[in-house]
Every structure is written in C-alpha cells, then in structure tokens.
N, C-alpha and C. Protein backbone atom coordinates (compact mmCIF):
# COMPACT_ATOMS: atom_id res chain seq x y z
N MET A 1 -119.33 164.56 138.45
CA MET A 1 -119.23 166.17 138.64
C MET A 1 -117.96 166.65 139.47
N ILE A 2 -117.48 165.98 140.35
CA ILE A 2 -116.19 166.42 141.08
C ILE A 2 -115.04 166.71 140.06
N GLN A 3 -115.05 166.56 138.58
CA GLN A 3 -114.34 166.79 137.98
C GLN A 3 -114.10 168.25 137.59
N GLU A 4 -115.48 168.94 137.78
CA GLU A 4 -115.30 170.25 137.19
C GLU A 4 -114.45 171.00 138.29
N LEU A 5 -114.08 170.55 139.52
CA LEU A 5 -113.28 171.33 140.21
C LEU A 5 -111.70 171.57 139.85
N SER A 6 -111.43 170.64 138.52
CA SER A 6 -109.99 170.81 138.10
C SER A 6 -109.72 172.06 137.49
N GLY A 7 -110.97 172.75 136.95
CA GLY A 7 -110.90 173.89 136.29
C GLY A 7 -110.66 175.01 137.18
N PRO A 8 -110.47 176.56 136.73
CA PRO A 8 -110.10 177.56 137.23
C PRO A 8 -111.16 178.25 137.97
N ASN A 9 -112.41 177.94 137.91
CA ASN A 9 -113.58 178.60 138.45
C ASN A 9 -113.85 177.73 139.74
N LYS A 10 -113.26 177.94 140.73
CA LYS A 10 -113.74 177.33 142.10
C LYS A 10 -112.73 178.04 143.20
N VAL A 11 -113.43 177.68 144.42
CA VAL A 11 -112.68 178.33 145.53
C VAL A 11 -112.48 177.15 146.68
N VAL A 12 -111.64 177.19 147.25
CA VAL A 12 -111.43 176.02 148.22
C VAL A 12 -111.05 176.29 149.66
N GLY A 13 -111.93 175.74 150.65
CA GLY A 13 -111.92 176.31 151.97
C GLY A 13 -113.12 176.95 152.57
N ALA A 14 -113.23 176.89 153.80
CA ALA A 14 -114.39 177.54 154.45
C ALA A 14 -114.64 178.99 154.22
N LYS A 15 -113.85 179.62 154.69
CA LYS A 15 -114.04 180.86 154.27
C LYS A 15 -114.26 181.67 153.18
N GLN A 16 -113.47 181.00 152.04
CA GLN A 16 -113.70 181.49 150.70
C GLN A 16 -115.12 180.89 150.27
N ALA A 17 -115.42 179.81 150.45
CA ALA A 17 -116.65 179.21 150.22
C ALA A 17 -118.00 180.07 150.75
N LYS A 18 -117.56 180.63 151.83
CA LYS A 18 -118.61 181.23 152.40
C LYS A 18 -118.92 182.64 151.88
N ARG A 19 -118.15 183.24 151.48
CA ARG A 19 -117.73 184.61 150.58
C ARG A 19 -118.49 184.17 149.21
N ALA A 20 -118.26 183.28 148.66
CA ALA A 20 -118.69 182.81 147.41
C ALA A 20 -120.02 182.83 147.24
N LEU A 21 -120.76 182.40 148.41
CA LEU A 21 -122.02 181.76 148.45
C LEU A 21 -123.02 183.09 148.77
N ARG A 22 -122.08 184.30 149.65
CA ARG A 22 -123.01 185.27 150.12
C ARG A 22 -123.10 186.42 148.87
N ASP A 23 -121.93 186.43 147.97
CA ASP A 23 -121.76 186.79 146.75
C ASP A 23 -122.37 186.62 145.73
N GLY A 24 -123.12 185.52 145.94
CA GLY A 24 -123.85 185.03 144.84
C GLY A 24 -123.23 184.19 143.56
N ARG A 25 -121.71 184.01 143.67
CA ARG A 25 -121.06 183.61 142.66
C ARG A 25 -121.00 181.87 142.73
N ALA A 26 -121.56 181.21 143.83
CA ALA A 26 -121.26 180.02 143.99
C ALA A 26 -122.61 179.11 142.83
N VAL A 27 -122.16 178.03 142.28
CA VAL A 27 -122.82 177.46 141.36
C VAL A 27 -123.33 175.99 142.11
N ARG A 28 -122.00 175.40 143.02
CA ARG A 28 -122.44 173.99 143.54
C ARG A 28 -121.35 174.34 144.79
N LEU A 29 -121.78 173.57 145.82
CA LEU A 29 -120.99 173.37 146.86
C LEU A 29 -120.77 172.05 147.19
N PHE A 30 -119.07 171.63 147.29
CA PHE A 30 -118.93 170.45 147.35
C PHE A 30 -118.66 170.08 149.01
N MET A 31 -118.73 169.02 149.61
CA MET A 31 -118.29 168.93 150.90
C MET A 31 -118.14 167.45 151.49
N ALA A 32 -116.83 167.38 152.17
CA ALA A 32 -116.31 166.25 152.39
C ALA A 32 -117.16 165.61 153.50
N MET A 33 -117.36 164.42 153.30
CA MET A 33 -118.20 163.54 154.49
C MET A 33 -117.32 163.44 155.81
N ASP A 34 -115.98 163.27 155.70
CA ASP A 34 -115.20 163.16 157.04
C ASP A 34 -114.90 164.38 157.53
N ALA A 35 -115.36 165.74 157.16
CA ALA A 35 -114.99 167.04 157.89
C ALA A 35 -115.74 167.38 158.86
N ASP A 36 -115.37 168.15 159.86
CA ASP A 36 -115.95 168.57 160.85
C ASP A 36 -117.60 169.30 160.58
N PRO A 37 -118.39 168.22 161.16
CA PRO A 37 -119.82 168.86 161.00
C PRO A 37 -120.17 170.34 161.35
N ARG A 38 -119.46 171.12 162.49
CA ARG A 38 -119.69 172.04 163.16
C ARG A 38 -119.21 173.24 161.84
N LEU A 39 -118.29 172.89 160.85
CA LEU A 39 -117.76 173.77 159.96
C LEU A 39 -118.60 173.60 158.78
N LEU A 40 -119.05 172.43 158.44
CA LEU A 40 -120.04 172.11 157.45
C LEU A 40 -121.26 172.64 157.37
N GLN A 41 -121.95 172.81 158.66
CA GLN A 41 -123.41 173.03 158.83
C GLN A 41 -123.98 174.46 158.24
N PRO A 42 -123.15 175.35 158.76
CA PRO A 42 -123.44 176.55 158.38
C PRO A 42 -123.57 176.86 157.01
N LEU A 43 -122.45 176.14 156.07
CA LEU A 43 -122.11 176.55 154.90
C LEU A 43 -123.29 175.89 154.09
N VAL A 44 -123.60 174.46 154.46
CA VAL A 44 -124.61 173.75 153.71
C VAL A 44 -126.08 174.65 154.06
N GLN A 45 -126.33 175.04 155.05
CA GLN A 45 -127.49 175.93 155.42
C GLN A 45 -127.36 177.12 154.62
N GLU A 46 -126.33 177.79 154.25
CA GLU A 46 -126.32 179.07 153.28
C GLU A 46 -126.78 178.67 152.05
N ALA A 47 -126.00 177.59 151.67
CA ALA A 47 -126.33 177.09 150.17
C ALA A 47 -127.67 176.66 149.92
N VAL A 48 -128.32 176.15 151.01
CA VAL A 48 -129.97 175.72 150.84
C VAL A 48 -130.47 177.09 150.94
N ASN A 49 -130.35 177.93 151.62
CA ASN A 49 -131.11 179.20 151.61
C ASN A 49 -130.76 179.86 150.18
N ARG A 50 -129.72 179.89 149.48
CA ARG A 50 -129.50 180.37 148.42
C ARG A 50 -129.89 179.62 147.21
N GLN A 51 -130.13 178.50 147.46
CA GLN A 51 -130.65 177.35 146.36
C GLN A 51 -129.51 177.02 145.41
N VAL A 52 -128.45 176.92 146.23
CA VAL A 52 -127.01 176.06 145.54
C VAL A 52 -127.03 174.86 145.74
N PRO A 53 -126.64 173.76 144.65
CA PRO A 53 -126.61 172.64 145.14
C PRO A 53 -125.71 171.99 145.83
N VAL A 54 -125.94 171.09 146.78
CA VAL A 54 -124.75 170.41 147.31
C VAL A 54 -124.61 169.24 147.10
N SER A 55 -123.14 168.84 146.90
CA SER A 55 -122.65 167.48 146.63
C SER A 55 -121.94 167.01 147.54
N GLN A 56 -121.81 165.65 147.64
CA GLN A 56 -120.96 165.33 148.79
C GLN A 56 -120.05 164.40 148.41
N VAL A 57 -118.63 164.59 148.78
CA VAL A 57 -117.63 163.85 148.39
C VAL A 57 -116.90 162.87 149.71
N SER A 58 -116.59 161.66 149.20
CA SER A 58 -116.11 160.82 150.54
C SER A 58 -115.42 161.29 151.36
N THR A 59 -114.21 161.93 150.94
CA THR A 59 -113.16 162.28 152.14
C THR A 59 -112.67 163.57 151.50
N MET A 60 -111.76 164.26 152.49
CA MET A 60 -111.22 165.57 152.32
C MET A 60 -110.06 165.46 151.57
N LYS A 61 -109.36 164.13 151.39
CA LYS A 61 -108.34 163.95 150.74
C LYS A 61 -108.84 163.90 149.11
N GLU A 62 -109.86 163.24 149.02
CA GLU A 62 -110.52 163.12 147.40
C GLU A 62 -110.87 164.58 147.30
N LEU A 63 -111.29 165.31 148.02
CA LEU A 63 -111.67 166.65 147.40
C LEU A 63 -110.50 167.64 147.26
N GLY A 64 -109.78 167.64 148.41
CA GLY A 64 -108.41 168.25 147.80
C GLY A 64 -107.81 167.87 146.34
N ALA A 65 -107.67 166.66 146.26
CA ALA A 65 -106.95 166.03 145.37
C ALA A 65 -107.74 166.62 143.81
N ALA A 66 -109.27 166.41 143.81
CA ALA A 66 -109.96 167.12 142.87
C ALA A 66 -109.87 168.73 142.56
N CYS A 67 -109.51 169.33 143.50
CA CYS A 67 -109.02 170.94 143.42
C CYS A 67 -107.81 170.91 143.14
N GLY A 68 -106.94 170.07 142.87
CA GLY A 68 -105.36 170.21 142.41
C GLY A 68 -104.63 170.68 143.69
N ILE A 69 -104.92 170.62 144.86
CA ILE A 69 -104.05 171.10 146.31
C ILE A 69 -103.65 169.50 146.71
N ALA A 70 -102.36 169.79 147.50
CA ALA A 70 -101.90 168.56 147.91
C ALA A 70 -102.21 168.18 149.45
N VAL A 71 -103.22 168.71 149.76
CA VAL A 71 -103.85 168.68 151.31
C VAL A 71 -105.47 168.38 151.15
N GLY A 72 -105.99 167.92 152.14
CA GLY A 72 -107.17 167.47 152.26
C GLY A 72 -108.08 169.05 152.42
N ALA A 73 -109.40 168.98 152.14
CA ALA A 73 -110.05 170.18 151.60
C ALA A 73 -111.47 169.63 152.43
N ALA A 74 -112.09 170.45 153.15
CA ALA A 74 -113.44 170.40 153.85
C ALA A 74 -114.42 170.48 152.85
N VAL A 75 -114.24 171.63 152.18
CA VAL A 75 -115.28 172.35 151.39
C VAL A 75 -114.50 173.02 150.15
N ALA A 76 -115.21 173.05 148.93
CA ALA A 76 -114.84 173.61 147.84
C ALA A 76 -116.15 174.15 146.95
N VAL A 77 -116.19 175.27 146.47
CA VAL A 77 -117.29 175.72 145.72
C VAL A 77 -117.00 175.94 144.32
N LEU A 78 -117.58 175.30 143.36
CA LEU A 78 -117.83 176.00 141.89
C LEU A 78 -118.39 176.82 141.76
N THR A 79 -117.54 177.89 141.00
CA THR A 79 -118.16 179.50 140.97
C THR A 79 -118.45 179.74 139.52
N LYS A 80 -119.29 180.66 139.20
CA LYS A 80 -119.64 181.13 137.90
C LYS A 80 -118.36 181.64 137.30
N GLU A 81 -118.26 181.36 135.66
CA GLU A 81 -117.26 181.84 135.06
C GLU A 81 -117.06 183.26 134.90
N GLY A 82 -115.98 183.80 134.61
CA GLY A 82 -115.69 185.28 134.63
C GLY A 82 -115.42 185.83 135.76
C-alpha cells in the first residue's frame, strides 16, 4: 500500500496533510510510528472524524523514501486524482 505514495497524488508533512484532510482531498493517511505522538494525534483524530483510513509505517525514513524525498517524513496523505 505504501507504494501508492510514489505517484504524484500525495502531500507530505503535517501542515499539508492537515489541509488535505480538511479540504476532503485525503484518501488515506500514512503515519510513521517513530514520529512525535503530539504531532500525529491531531492528524489521526481528523482522519478518523472524516472516515479516512490510517496506515502505519515503521519509520520516518521509510515513509520519506516511499514519498521520494531524501529526508524522513512523519506523515503523508494519498490524495484524490485531479
């Protein structure tokens, strides 16, 4: 499932993820298990409230690599096409 993040329909980072969730563009939220829980908790709650599935990834490094960036990522959101 994490392979879906290699495509163009994604946003990476907490601010962009929050915006995508609130705008209704989010299809799935990916979160790194080693990220700060204080950062993740409000985003996971927003995803649950909006009935967006949440997937867990082992590390920030793994999530960043799946998104095609050279640094770790705490969260990423798969967005709707278009």
